[in-house]
Amino acid sequence: MEETKLGGIKFPKKSRPLSPPKNSPDKDIWMTPRDLARKIVCHFQPSGYIIEPCKGTGAFYDHLTAYSYEHVDWCELSEGRDFLNWNFRDKNYSWLITNPPFSKYADFLEKSLSIASNIVFYGTVCHILSLKKRLRLIKEAGFFIREILYTDTPKGWNTGGFACGAIYLNKQPGLCKISHL
């Protein structure tokens, strides 16, 4: 029987699952292209006190600071600022914009819902839209999905065929806008 590799795991061709059984941390760090980050920042036009919890190479952070927003904080595990263990001392951010690591997506979402009023997560949209637990977490925190901004898949991203986009959450009830960047 032929084999196929998915997420570094070999499966017999007939039993191939739709996705790998677990996202490993070494495979889930996909940097957002700078131009795409600029377009997302321009689209949402965040203001006030902002945080980028997964700064990486600075794609979102650099564009947020370049537009002279009031104040932009950042975290980045590789630089000793772990968002999940950072003490925010009751800070309340107006906006949080990031591309979180897939293996810690749920943890990042939960913490984000507790510190920001407007949240934009970029990545595969299935990481929010197809999981009941995450949708329930959003609802229980009093948030609503306000926009799904689909994008073309960035070059080099192997998403397994899942659509990429920015999911915008806030506490204002109303319609959800669906568009393409």
Protein backbone atom coordinates (compact mmCIF):
# COMPACT_ATOMS: atom_id res chain seq x y z
CA MET A 1 0.00 0.00 0.00
CA GLU A 2 1.29 3.49 -0.87
CA GLU A 3 2.20 5.88 1.92
CA THR A 4 1.73 9.62 2.17
CA LYS A 5 3.32 12.10 4.58
CA LEU A 6 1.24 14.68 6.39
CA GLY A 7 2.74 16.93 9.04
CA GLY A 8 5.85 14.73 9.10
CA ILE A 9 3.81 11.59 9.87
CA LYS A 10 3.49 8.68 7.42
CA PHE A 11 0.02 7.28 6.72
CA PRO A 12 -1.12 4.51 4.41
CA LYS A 13 -2.76 6.31 1.46
CA LYS A 14 -6.26 4.90 2.17
CA SER A 15 -6.25 5.89 5.85
CA ARG A 16 -4.88 9.40 5.44
CA PRO A 17 -6.63 11.77 7.91
CA LEU A 18 -7.77 15.27 6.95
CA SER A 19 -5.13 16.84 9.17
CA PRO A 20 -2.21 15.74 11.35
CA PRO A 21 -3.23 14.43 14.78
CA LYS A 22 -1.30 17.21 16.54
CA ASN A 23 0.36 20.44 15.54
CA SER A 24 3.89 20.26 16.89
CA PRO A 25 5.50 23.52 18.00
CA ASP A 26 8.42 23.14 15.58
CA LYS A 27 6.01 23.08 12.62
CA ASP A 28 3.55 25.81 13.58
CA ILE A 29 5.55 29.01 13.35
CA TRP A 30 4.60 30.58 10.02
CA MET A 31 5.66 34.18 9.65
CA THR A 32 3.07 36.54 8.16
CA PRO A 33 4.41 38.22 5.02
CA ARG A 34 5.11 41.92 5.66
CA ASP A 35 2.91 43.18 2.83
CA LEU A 36 -0.01 41.05 4.00
CA ALA A 37 0.41 42.32 7.58
CA ARG A 38 0.37 45.91 6.26
CA LYS A 39 -2.87 45.27 4.35
CA ILE A 40 -4.52 43.71 7.41
CA VAL A 41 -3.48 46.63 9.65
CA CYS A 42 -4.75 49.13 7.05
CA HIS A 43 -8.02 47.22 6.70
CA PHE A 44 -8.86 47.16 10.43
CA GLN A 45 -7.28 50.54 11.33
CA PRO A 46 -6.75 49.78 15.03
CA SER A 47 -6.39 52.64 17.50
CA GLY A 48 -5.67 53.11 21.17
CA TYR A 49 -3.56 50.77 23.26
CA ILE A 50 -2.48 47.82 21.06
CA ILE A 51 -0.59 44.57 21.63
CA GLU A 52 1.06 42.14 19.21
CA PRO A 53 1.59 38.98 21.30
CA CYS A 54 3.57 37.02 18.66
CA LYS A 55 5.92 39.63 17.23
CA GLY A 56 8.12 37.16 15.36
CA THR A 57 10.02 39.13 12.72
CA GLY A 58 7.82 42.19 13.33
CA ALA A 59 5.47 42.10 10.34
CA PHE A 60 2.39 43.31 12.27
CA TYR A 61 4.32 45.18 14.97
CA ASP A 62 6.36 47.28 12.54
CA HIS A 63 3.24 48.34 10.62
CA LEU A 64 1.34 49.14 13.81
CA THR A 65 4.16 51.39 15.06
CA ALA A 66 4.75 52.92 11.59
CA TYR A 67 1.20 54.25 11.55
CA SER A 68 1.89 56.14 14.81
CA TYR A 69 -0.73 54.43 16.89
CA GLU A 70 -0.85 55.65 20.47
CA HIS A 71 1.00 52.76 22.07
CA VAL A 72 1.98 49.31 20.84
CA ASP A 73 3.18 46.56 23.19
CA TRP A 74 4.59 43.25 22.06
CA CYS A 75 5.51 39.80 23.27
CA GLU A 76 7.72 37.22 21.58
CA LEU A 77 8.74 33.95 23.23
CA SER A 78 12.10 33.84 21.41
CA GLU A 79 12.92 37.27 22.91
CA GLY A 80 12.00 36.31 26.49
CA ARG A 81 8.50 37.83 26.51
CA ASP A 82 6.08 34.90 26.71
CA PHE A 83 2.53 36.18 26.12
CA LEU A 84 0.97 33.25 27.96
CA ASN A 85 3.03 33.91 31.10
CA TRP A 86 3.33 37.71 30.86
CA ASN A 87 1.89 39.71 33.76
CA PHE A 88 -0.30 42.38 32.19
CA ARG A 89 -1.23 43.94 35.57
CA ASP A 90 -4.87 44.44 34.62
CA LYS A 91 -3.99 46.21 31.35
CA ASN A 92 -6.89 46.44 28.98
CA TYR A 93 -5.89 46.73 25.34
CA SER A 94 -8.08 48.32 22.70
CA TRP A 95 -6.70 45.98 20.03
CA LEU A 96 -4.75 42.75 19.77
CA ILE A 97 -3.49 41.72 16.32
CA THR A 98 -1.44 38.56 15.76
CA ASN A 99 -0.73 35.32 13.95
CA PRO A 100 -0.65 32.88 16.90
CA PRO A 101 1.22 29.55 16.87
CA PHE A 102 -1.13 26.73 15.87
CA SER A 103 -0.05 24.44 18.73
CA LYS A 104 -1.04 27.09 21.31
CA TYR A 105 -3.97 28.64 19.47
CA ALA A 106 -6.57 27.88 22.16
CA ASP A 107 -4.35 29.26 24.93
CA PHE A 108 -3.64 32.43 22.95
CA LEU A 109 -7.34 32.88 22.21
CA GLU A 110 -8.34 32.46 25.85
CA LYS A 111 -5.77 34.97 27.12
CA SER A 112 -6.56 37.42 24.29
CA LEU A 113 -10.25 37.41 25.19
CA SER A 114 -9.33 38.46 28.73
CA ILE A 115 -7.10 41.46 27.87
CA ALA A 116 -8.39 43.09 24.65
CA SER A 117 -11.63 44.61 23.36
CA ASN A 118 -10.92 43.99 19.66
CA ILE A 119 -9.03 40.91 18.50
CA VAL A 120 -7.70 39.98 15.06
CA PHE A 121 -6.18 36.50 14.63
CA TYR A 122 -4.57 35.68 11.29
CA GLY A 123 -4.07 32.12 10.07
CA THR A 124 -6.25 29.30 8.85
CA VAL A 125 -9.85 30.26 9.61
CA CYS A 126 -10.70 26.69 10.60
CA HIS A 127 -8.74 27.22 13.84
CA ILE A 128 -11.73 29.20 15.09
CA LEU A 129 -14.69 28.48 12.85
CA SER A 130 -14.65 24.68 12.92
CA LEU A 131 -14.10 24.02 16.61
CA LYS A 132 -17.12 24.15 18.97
CA LYS A 133 -14.94 24.61 22.04
CA ARG A 134 -13.35 27.79 20.65
CA LEU A 135 -16.69 29.16 19.48
CA ARG A 136 -18.10 28.48 22.95
CA LEU A 137 -15.09 30.23 24.56
CA ILE A 138 -15.70 33.29 22.37
CA LYS A 139 -19.40 33.35 23.27
CA GLU A 140 -18.80 32.86 27.00
CA ALA A 141 -16.33 35.77 27.00
CA GLY A 142 -19.04 37.99 25.51
CA PHE A 143 -17.39 38.33 22.08
CA PHE A 144 -18.85 38.04 18.59
CA ILE A 145 -17.25 37.19 15.26
CA ARG A 146 -17.58 40.50 13.47
CA GLU A 147 -15.59 39.85 10.30
CA ILE A 148 -13.92 37.07 8.38
CA LEU A 149 -11.37 38.61 6.00
CA TYR A 150 -10.22 35.85 3.66
CA THR A 151 -6.79 36.15 2.02
CA ASP A 152 -4.84 34.18 -0.51
CA THR A 153 -2.63 31.57 1.14
CA PRO A 154 0.81 33.09 1.73
CA LYS A 155 3.64 31.54 -0.29
CA GLY A 156 5.33 28.74 1.60
CA TRP A 157 2.37 28.07 3.89
CA ASN A 158 1.25 24.45 3.65
CA THR A 159 -2.27 24.80 5.07
CA GLY A 160 -3.51 21.41 3.95
CA GLY A 161 -6.10 23.13 1.79
CA PHE A 162 -7.63 25.17 4.64
CA ALA A 163 -8.53 28.79 3.88
CA CYS A 164 -6.45 31.61 5.37
CA GLY A 165 -7.82 34.82 6.74
CA ALA A 166 -8.14 37.27 9.59
CA ILE A 167 -10.92 36.69 12.10
CA TYR A 168 -12.06 39.86 13.86
CA LEU A 169 -13.74 39.56 17.27
CA ASN A 170 -15.28 42.21 19.52
CA LYS A 171 -18.09 42.64 22.04
CA GLN A 172 -20.48 44.49 19.72
CA PRO A 173 -23.39 42.27 18.63
CA GLY A 174 -24.40 42.52 15.00
CA LEU A 175 -23.84 41.06 11.59
CA CYS A 176 -20.62 39.32 10.58
CA LYS A 177 -19.01 40.73 7.47
CA ILE A 178 -17.30 38.26 5.13
CA SER A 179 -14.90 39.65 2.56
CA HIS A 180 -11.65 38.96 0.71
CA LEU A 181 -8.51 41.07 0.93
